[in-house]
Amino acid sequence: VGHRMVACKLVEQGRLKRLYICPECQESYYDDLHACGGIVLCGRCYLRLKEEEKRQVEANRKQRETELKAEEERQRRMEEEERRREAMRPKETVEDRLLVQKKRLYRRFLCSLGLVALIAVVALILLLVR
């Protein structure tokens, strides 16, 4: 619903002013014809519009703050979870690494010993067969 222009009047400075009536509050008001590209709201509607804009800006700011706090909380929880997992993960010590290396060497030694024994048995069988 647009504001309805009722009349135009010429004021003493030679400017033409338009008289409007607000459809919501029925208040009449003037605006300068040369200074306005569109309709200027009446004082009461203008103040109400500014209040609504201010409330919307505040609501948007609160929404952003809430989203930012939620993101910070999510990030904090993820970091805590990572620290907890890190604390629960068994720490490998130098002693553990040395023990693993000793076991590997022992296995290799046993495999080589078994291989040497197998070769010796095969060689012995070949000597006996001739």
N, C-alpha and C. Protein backbone atom coordinates (compact mmCIF):
# COMPACT_ATOMS: atom_id res chain seq x y z
N VAL A 1 0.86 -1.17 0.00
CA VAL A 1 0.00 0.00 0.00
C VAL A 1 0.90 1.23 0.00
N GLY A 2 0.74 2.08 -1.00
CA GLY A 2 1.59 3.26 -1.12
C GLY A 2 0.98 4.46 -0.42
N HIS A 3 1.82 5.43 -0.19
CA HIS A 3 1.31 6.67 0.38
C HIS A 3 0.62 7.45 -0.74
N ARG A 4 -0.47 8.06 -0.42
CA ARG A 4 -1.30 8.72 -1.43
C ARG A 4 -1.02 10.21 -1.44
N MET A 5 -0.65 10.71 -2.64
CA MET A 5 -0.42 12.15 -2.76
C MET A 5 -1.79 12.81 -2.93
N VAL A 6 -2.00 13.83 -2.13
CA VAL A 6 -3.30 14.50 -2.14
C VAL A 6 -3.24 15.79 -2.95
N ALA A 7 -2.16 16.57 -2.72
CA ALA A 7 -2.09 17.88 -3.40
C ALA A 7 -0.64 18.33 -3.47
N CYS A 8 -0.39 19.37 -4.28
CA CYS A 8 0.91 20.02 -4.32
C CYS A 8 0.68 21.48 -3.97
N LYS A 9 1.67 22.11 -3.33
CA LYS A 9 1.52 23.54 -3.05
C LYS A 9 2.85 24.21 -3.26
N LEU A 10 2.82 25.45 -3.63
CA LEU A 10 4.00 26.25 -3.87
C LEU A 10 4.29 27.03 -2.60
N VAL A 11 5.50 26.89 -2.07
CA VAL A 11 5.85 27.62 -0.84
C VAL A 11 6.62 28.88 -1.22
N GLU A 12 6.94 29.72 -0.20
CA GLU A 12 7.49 31.05 -0.46
C GLU A 12 8.85 31.03 -1.17
N GLN A 13 9.66 30.00 -1.02
CA GLN A 13 10.95 29.96 -1.71
C GLN A 13 10.81 29.52 -3.17
N GLY A 14 9.64 29.31 -3.63
CA GLY A 14 9.41 28.90 -5.01
C GLY A 14 9.52 27.39 -5.19
N ARG A 15 9.54 26.66 -4.10
CA ARG A 15 9.60 25.19 -4.18
C ARG A 15 8.19 24.62 -4.22
N LEU A 16 8.11 23.51 -4.90
CA LEU A 16 6.83 22.81 -4.95
C LEU A 16 6.88 21.69 -3.92
N LYS A 17 5.89 21.62 -3.04
CA LYS A 17 5.84 20.56 -2.02
C LYS A 17 4.62 19.70 -2.30
N ARG A 18 4.78 18.39 -2.02
CA ARG A 18 3.68 17.46 -2.21
C ARG A 18 3.08 17.12 -0.85
N LEU A 19 1.78 17.06 -0.79
CA LEU A 19 1.08 16.68 0.44
C LEU A 19 0.67 15.23 0.30
N TYR A 20 1.08 14.42 1.27
CA TYR A 20 0.75 12.98 1.27
C TYR A 20 -0.07 12.64 2.49
N ILE A 21 -0.78 11.52 2.39
CA ILE A 21 -1.49 10.97 3.54
C ILE A 21 -1.01 9.54 3.71
N CYS A 22 -0.58 9.22 4.92
CA CYS A 22 -0.09 7.88 5.23
C CYS A 22 -1.29 6.94 5.34
N PRO A 23 -1.29 5.81 4.62
CA PRO A 23 -2.44 4.90 4.67
C PRO A 23 -2.53 4.16 6.00
N GLU A 24 -1.42 4.05 6.74
CA GLU A 24 -1.45 3.30 7.99
C GLU A 24 -1.94 4.14 9.16
N CYS A 25 -1.37 5.36 9.27
CA CYS A 25 -1.72 6.16 10.44
C CYS A 25 -2.55 7.39 10.08
N GLN A 26 -2.85 7.57 8.79
CA GLN A 26 -3.68 8.68 8.30
C GLN A 26 -3.08 10.05 8.61
N GLU A 27 -1.78 10.11 8.87
CA GLU A 27 -1.12 11.39 9.14
C GLU A 27 -0.77 12.04 7.80
N SER A 28 -0.93 13.35 7.70
CA SER A 28 -0.55 14.04 6.47
C SER A 28 0.81 14.69 6.68
N TYR A 29 1.56 14.81 5.58
CA TYR A 29 2.90 15.40 5.66
C TYR A 29 3.28 15.90 4.28
N TYR A 30 4.29 16.79 4.24
CA TYR A 30 4.80 17.33 2.98
C TYR A 30 6.19 16.79 2.73
N ASP A 31 6.55 16.69 1.46
CA ASP A 31 7.96 16.48 1.12
C ASP A 31 8.28 17.36 -0.07
N ASP A 32 9.58 17.67 -0.24
CA ASP A 32 10.00 18.52 -1.35
C ASP A 32 10.00 17.70 -2.63
N LEU A 33 9.40 18.22 -3.66
CA LEU A 33 9.32 17.52 -4.93
C LEU A 33 10.69 17.36 -5.56
N HIS A 34 11.55 18.38 -5.42
CA HIS A 34 12.85 18.32 -6.07
C HIS A 34 13.86 17.47 -5.30
N ALA A 35 13.64 17.24 -4.02
CA ALA A 35 14.65 16.58 -3.18
C ALA A 35 14.38 15.10 -2.99
N CYS A 36 13.32 14.59 -3.60
CA CYS A 36 12.93 13.22 -3.29
C CYS A 36 12.74 12.42 -4.56
N GLY A 37 13.50 11.32 -4.66
CA GLY A 37 13.34 10.45 -5.82
C GLY A 37 12.15 9.52 -5.65
N GLY A 38 11.73 9.30 -4.45
CA GLY A 38 10.61 8.40 -4.18
C GLY A 38 9.76 8.99 -3.08
N ILE A 39 8.99 8.16 -2.44
CA ILE A 39 8.10 8.61 -1.38
C ILE A 39 8.86 8.68 -0.07
N VAL A 40 8.71 9.77 0.63
CA VAL A 40 9.29 9.91 1.96
C VAL A 40 8.21 9.53 2.96
N LEU A 41 8.56 8.70 3.91
CA LEU A 41 7.57 8.26 4.89
C LEU A 41 7.20 9.39 5.83
N CYS A 42 6.00 9.32 6.39
CA CYS A 42 5.61 10.30 7.39
C CYS A 42 6.45 10.07 8.65
N GLY A 43 6.46 11.04 9.53
CA GLY A 43 7.32 10.98 10.71
C GLY A 43 7.10 9.74 11.56
N ARG A 44 5.86 9.40 11.83
CA ARG A 44 5.55 8.26 12.68
C ARG A 44 6.00 6.95 12.02
N CYS A 45 5.69 6.79 10.73
CA CYS A 45 6.09 5.57 10.01
C CYS A 45 7.60 5.49 9.87
N TYR A 46 8.25 6.65 9.65
CA TYR A 46 9.70 6.67 9.53
C TYR A 46 10.35 6.20 10.83
N LEU A 47 9.87 6.70 11.97
CA LEU A 47 10.42 6.29 13.26
C LEU A 47 10.18 4.80 13.51
N ARG A 48 8.98 4.32 13.14
CA ARG A 48 8.68 2.90 13.31
C ARG A 48 9.61 2.05 12.43
N LEU A 49 9.83 2.50 11.18
CA LEU A 49 10.72 1.79 10.28
C LEU A 49 12.15 1.76 10.83
N LYS A 50 12.61 2.89 11.37
CA LYS A 50 13.96 2.94 11.94
C LYS A 50 14.07 2.01 13.15
N GLU A 51 13.04 1.94 13.97
CA GLU A 51 13.03 1.03 15.12
C GLU A 51 13.09 -0.42 14.66
N GLU A 52 12.30 -0.74 13.62
CA GLU A 52 12.32 -2.10 13.09
C GLU A 52 13.69 -2.45 12.52
N GLU A 53 14.30 -1.49 11.81
CA GLU A 53 15.65 -1.71 11.27
C GLU A 53 16.64 -1.93 12.40
N LYS A 54 16.53 -1.12 13.46
CA LYS A 54 17.44 -1.25 14.60
C LYS A 54 17.27 -2.61 15.28
N ARG A 55 16.00 -3.04 15.44
CA ARG A 55 15.74 -4.36 16.03
C ARG A 55 16.31 -5.47 15.15
N GLN A 56 16.15 -5.32 13.82
CA GLN A 56 16.67 -6.34 12.90
C GLN A 56 18.19 -6.40 12.96
N VAL A 57 18.84 -5.24 13.00
CA VAL A 57 20.31 -5.20 13.10
C VAL A 57 20.75 -5.86 14.40
N GLU A 58 20.05 -5.56 15.49
CA GLU A 58 20.39 -6.16 16.79
C GLU A 58 20.16 -7.68 16.76
N ALA A 59 19.06 -8.10 16.14
CA ALA A 59 18.78 -9.54 16.04
C ALA A 59 19.86 -10.23 15.20
N ASN A 60 20.27 -9.59 14.11
CA ASN A 60 21.34 -10.16 13.27
C ASN A 60 22.65 -10.24 14.04
N ARG A 61 22.95 -9.20 14.82
CA ARG A 61 24.18 -9.19 15.61
C ARG A 61 24.15 -10.31 16.65
N LYS A 62 23.01 -10.47 17.32
CA LYS A 62 22.89 -11.54 18.31
C LYS A 62 23.01 -12.91 17.65
N GLN A 63 22.41 -13.05 16.46
CA GLN A 63 22.49 -14.31 15.72
C GLN A 63 23.94 -14.63 15.38
N ARG A 64 24.69 -13.62 14.90
CA ARG A 64 26.10 -13.83 14.57
C ARG A 64 26.90 -14.19 15.82
N GLU A 65 26.62 -13.49 16.93
CA GLU A 65 27.31 -13.80 18.18
C GLU A 65 27.02 -15.23 18.62
N THR A 66 25.76 -15.64 18.52
CA THR A 66 25.38 -17.00 18.89
C THR A 66 26.08 -18.02 18.01
N GLU A 67 26.11 -17.76 16.71
CA GLU A 67 26.79 -18.67 15.80
C GLU A 67 28.28 -18.72 16.08
N LEU A 68 28.88 -17.56 16.38
CA LEU A 68 30.30 -17.50 16.68
C LEU A 68 30.61 -18.27 17.97
N LYS A 69 29.77 -18.08 19.00
CA LYS A 69 29.98 -18.81 20.25
C LYS A 69 29.83 -20.31 20.04
N ALA A 70 28.84 -20.70 19.24
CA ALA A 70 28.64 -22.13 18.96
C ALA A 70 29.85 -22.70 18.23
N GLU A 71 30.38 -21.95 17.28
CA GLU A 71 31.56 -22.41 16.53
C GLU A 71 32.78 -22.50 17.45
N GLU A 72 32.95 -21.50 18.33
CA GLU A 72 34.06 -21.54 19.29
C GLU A 72 33.92 -22.73 20.23
N GLU A 73 32.71 -23.00 20.68
CA GLU A 73 32.45 -24.13 21.58
C GLU A 73 32.75 -25.45 20.86
N ARG A 74 32.32 -25.55 19.60
CA ARG A 74 32.58 -26.76 18.83
C ARG A 74 34.08 -26.96 18.64
N GLN A 75 34.78 -25.87 18.34
CA GLN A 75 36.23 -25.94 18.16
C GLN A 75 36.91 -26.37 19.46
N ARG A 76 36.45 -25.79 20.58
CA ARG A 76 37.04 -26.12 21.89
C ARG A 76 36.81 -27.60 22.21
N ARG A 77 35.58 -28.10 21.93
CA ARG A 77 35.30 -29.52 22.19
C ARG A 77 36.17 -30.42 21.33
N MET A 78 36.38 -30.03 20.07
CA MET A 78 37.22 -30.84 19.18
C MET A 78 38.66 -30.87 19.69
N GLU A 79 39.17 -29.72 20.16
CA GLU A 79 40.53 -29.66 20.68
C GLU A 79 40.65 -30.51 21.95
N GLU A 80 39.65 -30.43 22.83
CA GLU A 80 39.67 -31.24 24.04
C GLU A 80 39.65 -32.73 23.70
N GLU A 81 38.83 -33.11 22.74
CA GLU A 81 38.75 -34.51 22.32
C GLU A 81 40.09 -34.97 21.76
N GLU A 82 40.73 -34.12 20.98
CA GLU A 82 42.05 -34.46 20.41
C GLU A 82 43.08 -34.62 21.53
N ARG A 83 43.05 -33.71 22.52
CA ARG A 83 43.99 -33.83 23.66
C ARG A 83 43.72 -35.10 24.45
N ARG A 84 42.43 -35.43 24.63
CA ARG A 84 42.08 -36.65 25.37
C ARG A 84 42.58 -37.89 24.62
N ARG A 85 42.35 -37.92 23.30
CA ARG A 85 42.84 -39.06 22.51
C ARG A 85 44.36 -39.15 22.57
N GLU A 86 45.01 -38.01 22.50
CA GLU A 86 46.48 -37.99 22.55
C GLU A 86 46.97 -38.51 23.90
N ALA A 87 46.27 -38.14 24.97
CA ALA A 87 46.68 -38.59 26.31
C ALA A 87 46.46 -40.09 26.47
N MET A 88 45.42 -40.62 25.83
CA MET A 88 45.13 -42.05 25.97
C MET A 88 45.99 -42.91 25.06
N ARG A 89 46.52 -42.31 24.00
CA ARG A 89 47.35 -43.07 23.07
C ARG A 89 48.63 -43.49 23.79
N PRO A 90 48.98 -44.77 23.67
CA PRO A 90 50.19 -45.23 24.37
C PRO A 90 51.43 -44.55 23.78
N LYS A 91 52.27 -44.09 24.67
CA LYS A 91 53.51 -43.43 24.25
C LYS A 91 54.58 -44.49 24.00
N GLU A 92 55.20 -44.42 22.85
CA GLU A 92 56.25 -45.36 22.52
C GLU A 92 57.57 -44.79 23.06
N THR A 93 58.22 -45.57 23.91
CA THR A 93 59.48 -45.12 24.50
C THR A 93 60.65 -45.72 23.74
N VAL A 94 61.84 -45.24 24.04
CA VAL A 94 63.06 -45.77 23.41
C VAL A 94 63.21 -47.23 23.78
N GLU A 95 62.89 -47.56 25.02
CA GLU A 95 62.98 -48.95 25.48
C GLU A 95 62.07 -49.85 24.64
N ASP A 96 60.84 -49.38 24.37
CA ASP A 96 59.91 -50.15 23.55
C ASP A 96 60.47 -50.36 22.14
N ARG A 97 61.02 -49.32 21.55
CA ARG A 97 61.59 -49.43 20.20
C ARG A 97 62.75 -50.42 20.17
N LEU A 98 63.61 -50.36 21.20
CA LEU A 98 64.75 -51.28 21.26
C LEU A 98 64.26 -52.72 21.40
N LEU A 99 63.23 -52.92 22.20
CA LEU A 99 62.67 -54.25 22.39
C LEU A 99 62.11 -54.81 21.07
N VAL A 100 61.41 -53.98 20.32
CA VAL A 100 60.86 -54.39 19.03
C VAL A 100 62.00 -54.75 18.07
N GLN A 101 63.05 -53.94 18.06
CA GLN A 101 64.20 -54.24 17.18
C GLN A 101 64.87 -55.55 17.57
N LYS A 102 65.00 -55.79 18.89
CA LYS A 102 65.61 -57.05 19.35
C LYS A 102 64.79 -58.25 18.89
N LYS A 103 63.45 -58.13 19.01
CA LYS A 103 62.57 -59.22 18.58
C LYS A 103 62.72 -59.49 17.09
N ARG A 104 62.80 -58.45 16.29
CA ARG A 104 62.97 -58.60 14.84
C ARG A 104 64.30 -59.30 14.53
N LEU A 105 65.37 -58.85 15.20
CA LEU A 105 66.68 -59.46 14.97
C LEU A 105 66.66 -60.93 15.37
N TYR A 106 66.01 -61.25 16.49
CA TYR A 106 65.93 -62.63 16.96
C TYR A 106 65.18 -63.49 15.94
N ARG A 107 64.06 -62.96 15.40
CA ARG A 107 63.30 -63.70 14.39
C ARG A 107 64.14 -63.93 13.14
N ARG A 108 64.86 -62.90 12.71
CA ARG A 108 65.72 -63.05 11.52
C ARG A 108 66.81 -64.10 11.77
N PHE A 109 67.36 -64.04 12.98
CA PHE A 109 68.40 -65.01 13.33
C PHE A 109 67.85 -66.43 13.27
N LEU A 110 66.66 -66.65 13.85
CA LEU A 110 66.04 -67.97 13.83
C LEU A 110 65.71 -68.41 12.41
N CYS A 111 65.22 -67.49 11.59
CA CYS A 111 64.91 -67.83 10.19
C CYS A 111 66.18 -68.22 9.45
N SER A 112 67.25 -67.43 9.64
CA SER A 112 68.51 -67.76 8.96
C SER A 112 69.07 -69.08 9.46
N LEU A 113 68.96 -69.33 10.76
CA LEU A 113 69.45 -70.59 11.33
C LEU A 113 68.67 -71.76 10.73
N GLY A 114 67.34 -71.59 10.63
CA GLY A 114 66.51 -72.63 10.03
C GLY A 114 66.86 -72.85 8.57
N LEU A 115 67.14 -71.76 7.85
CA LEU A 115 67.50 -71.86 6.44
C LEU A 115 68.85 -72.58 6.27
N VAL A 116 69.81 -72.24 7.12
CA VAL A 116 71.12 -72.90 7.08
C VAL A 116 70.96 -74.39 7.38
N ALA A 117 70.14 -74.72 8.38
CA ALA A 117 69.91 -76.12 8.73
C ALA A 117 69.26 -76.86 7.56
N LEU A 118 68.31 -76.25 6.89
CA LEU A 118 67.63 -76.86 5.76
C LEU A 118 68.61 -77.10 4.61
N ILE A 119 69.45 -76.12 4.34
CA ILE A 119 70.45 -76.28 3.28
C ILE A 119 71.42 -77.41 3.64
N ALA A 120 71.81 -77.48 4.91
CA ALA A 120 72.74 -78.53 5.35
C ALA A 120 72.09 -79.91 5.18
N VAL A 121 70.82 -80.04 5.54
CA VAL A 121 70.11 -81.32 5.41
C VAL A 121 70.02 -81.71 3.94
N VAL A 122 69.67 -80.75 3.07
CA VAL A 122 69.55 -81.04 1.64
C VAL A 122 70.92 -81.45 1.09
N ALA A 123 71.98 -80.74 1.49
CA ALA A 123 73.33 -81.09 1.03
C ALA A 123 73.72 -82.48 1.51
N LEU A 124 73.39 -82.83 2.75
CA LEU A 124 73.71 -84.14 3.31
C LEU A 124 72.97 -85.24 2.55
N ILE A 125 71.69 -84.98 2.24
CA ILE A 125 70.90 -85.96 1.50
C ILE A 125 71.50 -86.15 0.11
N LEU A 126 71.90 -85.06 -0.53
CA LEU A 126 72.49 -85.16 -1.86
C LEU A 126 73.81 -85.94 -1.82
N LEU A 127 74.58 -85.77 -0.78
CA LEU A 127 75.85 -86.51 -0.64
C LEU A 127 75.59 -87.99 -0.40
N LEU A 128 74.58 -88.30 0.36
CA LEU A 128 74.27 -89.70 0.67
C LEU A 128 73.67 -90.41 -0.53
N VAL A 129 72.97 -89.70 -1.36
CA VAL A 129 72.31 -90.30 -2.51
C VAL A 129 73.35 -90.65 -3.57
N ARG A 130 74.43 -90.07 -3.70
CA ARG A 130 75.43 -90.35 -4.72
C ARG A 130 76.22 -91.52 -4.42
